[in-house]
């Protein structure tokens, strides 16, 4: 399980970079710096987290259509979409910050609790 542990640590670090890029983008002083943080820091970090997540599911043999996997992908995409929108518009208001952070928090909840379709529908 050394491979699994290394992948999990790498994914955790990628998520930390994404969160750092997200936070820094919302406190950036100008729209150019905000766009740089979104497109050069947060976006590649999220892509890396997705790739590492795929590798983790392959290592442990989890189906990609499992509830927590699909939910995590969808919610992290929603978070990223809000972040990219904020950079495209040069906006840093609280509503967009909420649209970027709430799905991210829910993604983390799904990744930790790992709810399954069988658990939801009793199968």
Protein backbone atom coordinates (compact mmCIF):
# COMPACT_ATOMS: atom_id res chain seq x y z
CA UNK A 1 0.00 0.00 0.00
CA UNK A 2 2.99 2.32 -0.31
CA UNK A 3 1.73 3.47 -3.73
CA UNK A 4 -1.69 4.25 -2.27
CA UNK A 5 -0.16 6.29 0.57
CA UNK A 6 2.09 8.25 -1.79
CA UNK A 7 -0.82 9.00 -4.13
CA UNK A 8 -2.98 10.10 -1.22
CA UNK A 9 -0.29 12.44 0.12
CA UNK A 10 0.31 13.87 -3.36
CA UNK A 11 -3.43 14.45 -3.82
CA UNK A 12 -3.65 16.15 -0.43
CA UNK A 13 -0.77 18.47 -1.42
CA UNK A 14 -2.45 19.24 -4.75
CA UNK A 15 -5.66 20.15 -2.90
CA UNK A 16 -3.67 22.42 -0.57
CA UNK A 17 -2.20 24.22 -3.59
CA UNK A 18 -5.68 24.56 -5.12
CA UNK A 19 -7.08 26.00 -1.89
CA UNK A 20 -4.08 28.34 -1.62
CA UNK A 21 -4.58 29.52 -5.20
CA UNK A 22 -8.30 29.99 -4.58
CA UNK A 23 -7.70 32.01 -1.42
CA UNK A 24 -4.92 34.07 -2.93
CA UNK A 25 -7.03 34.83 -6.01
CA UNK A 26 -9.70 36.35 -3.80
CA UNK A 27 -7.26 38.65 -2.02
CA UNK A 28 -5.22 39.57 -5.11
CA UNK A 29 -4.78 43.30 -5.56
CA UNK A 30 -5.52 43.41 -9.27
CA UNK A 31 -7.26 41.34 -11.91
CA UNK A 32 -4.02 40.36 -13.69
CA UNK A 33 -2.59 38.83 -10.54
CA UNK A 34 -5.93 37.17 -9.81
CA UNK A 35 -6.01 35.59 -13.28
CA UNK A 36 -2.42 34.41 -12.89
CA UNK A 37 -3.24 32.73 -9.57
CA UNK A 38 -6.34 31.06 -10.99
CA UNK A 39 -4.85 29.86 -14.27
CA UNK A 40 -1.27 29.12 -13.25
CA UNK A 41 -1.72 27.88 -9.66
CA UNK A 42 -5.26 26.74 -8.83
CA UNK A 43 -6.25 25.23 -12.18
CA UNK A 44 -3.16 23.00 -12.63
CA UNK A 45 -3.40 21.94 -8.98
CA UNK A 46 -7.02 20.86 -9.43
CA UNK A 47 -6.15 18.97 -12.62
CA UNK A 48 -3.38 17.19 -10.73
CA UNK A 49 -5.79 16.38 -7.89
CA UNK A 50 -8.25 14.90 -10.40
CA UNK A 51 -5.52 12.77 -12.01
CA UNK A 52 -4.28 11.58 -8.63
CA UNK A 53 -7.86 10.83 -7.59
CA UNK A 54 -8.29 8.71 -10.70
CA UNK A 55 -5.08 6.86 -9.87
CA UNK A 56 -6.29 6.31 -6.30
CA UNK A 57 -9.58 4.81 -7.51
CA UNK A 58 -7.64 2.53 -9.84
CA UNK A 59 -5.33 1.39 -7.03
CA UNK A 60 -8.17 0.57 -4.62
CA UNK A 61 -10.54 -0.68 -7.33
CA UNK A 62 -13.37 1.80 -6.88
CA UNK A 63 -15.82 2.33 -9.72
CA UNK A 64 -15.69 5.86 -11.16
CA UNK A 65 -19.50 5.98 -11.11
CA UNK A 66 -19.62 5.68 -7.32
CA UNK A 67 -21.56 8.45 -5.56
CA UNK A 68 -18.62 10.03 -3.76
CA UNK A 69 -16.46 10.03 -6.92
CA UNK A 70 -19.11 11.60 -9.17
CA UNK A 71 -20.16 14.03 -6.46
CA UNK A 72 -16.55 15.05 -5.84
CA UNK A 73 -15.90 15.62 -9.53
CA UNK A 74 -19.08 17.64 -9.99
CA UNK A 75 -18.63 19.76 -6.90
CA UNK A 76 -14.94 20.44 -7.54
CA UNK A 77 -15.85 21.45 -11.10
CA UNK A 78 -18.47 23.84 -9.68
CA UNK A 79 -15.85 25.31 -7.36
CA UNK A 80 -13.39 25.72 -10.19
CA UNK A 81 -16.02 27.24 -12.48
CA UNK A 82 -16.80 29.91 -9.89
CA UNK A 83 -13.09 30.60 -9.51
CA UNK A 84 -12.55 30.93 -13.27
CA UNK A 85 -15.63 33.15 -13.52
CA UNK A 86 -14.23 35.44 -10.84
CA UNK A 87 -10.95 35.76 -12.73
CA UNK A 88 -12.66 36.33 -16.08
CA UNK A 89 -14.81 39.10 -14.63
CA UNK A 90 -12.12 40.47 -12.31
CA UNK A 91 -14.52 40.16 -9.37
CA UNK A 92 -13.75 39.16 -5.79
CA UNK A 93 -17.07 39.51 -4.01
CA UNK A 94 -18.37 37.31 -1.20
CA UNK A 95 -21.02 35.60 -3.33
CA UNK A 96 -18.46 34.27 -5.80
CA UNK A 97 -16.17 33.28 -2.94
CA UNK A 98 -19.08 31.29 -1.46
CA UNK A 99 -19.78 29.65 -4.84
CA UNK A 100 -16.11 28.62 -4.96
CA UNK A 101 -15.64 27.47 -1.37
CA UNK A 102 -18.92 25.75 -0.45
CA UNK A 103 -18.67 23.13 -3.23
CA UNK A 104 -15.04 22.59 -2.30
CA UNK A 105 -15.94 21.93 1.34
CA UNK A 106 -18.69 19.53 0.23
CA UNK A 107 -16.18 17.78 -2.04
CA UNK A 108 -13.87 17.24 0.92
CA UNK A 109 -16.79 15.88 2.96
CA UNK A 110 -17.54 13.38 0.17
CA UNK A 111 -13.88 12.35 -0.13
CA UNK A 112 -13.66 11.71 3.61
CA UNK A 113 -17.02 10.00 4.18
CA UNK A 114 -17.16 8.14 0.82
CA UNK A 115 -20.94 7.61 0.60
CA UNK A 116 -21.95 4.94 -1.91
CA UNK A 117 -25.05 4.42 -4.04
CA UNK A 118 -25.67 1.17 -2.16
CA UNK A 119 -25.55 3.04 1.12
CA UNK A 120 -28.03 5.63 -0.11
CA UNK A 121 -30.48 3.21 -1.75
CA UNK A 122 -29.95 0.30 0.63
CA UNK A 123 -28.52 -2.08 -1.97
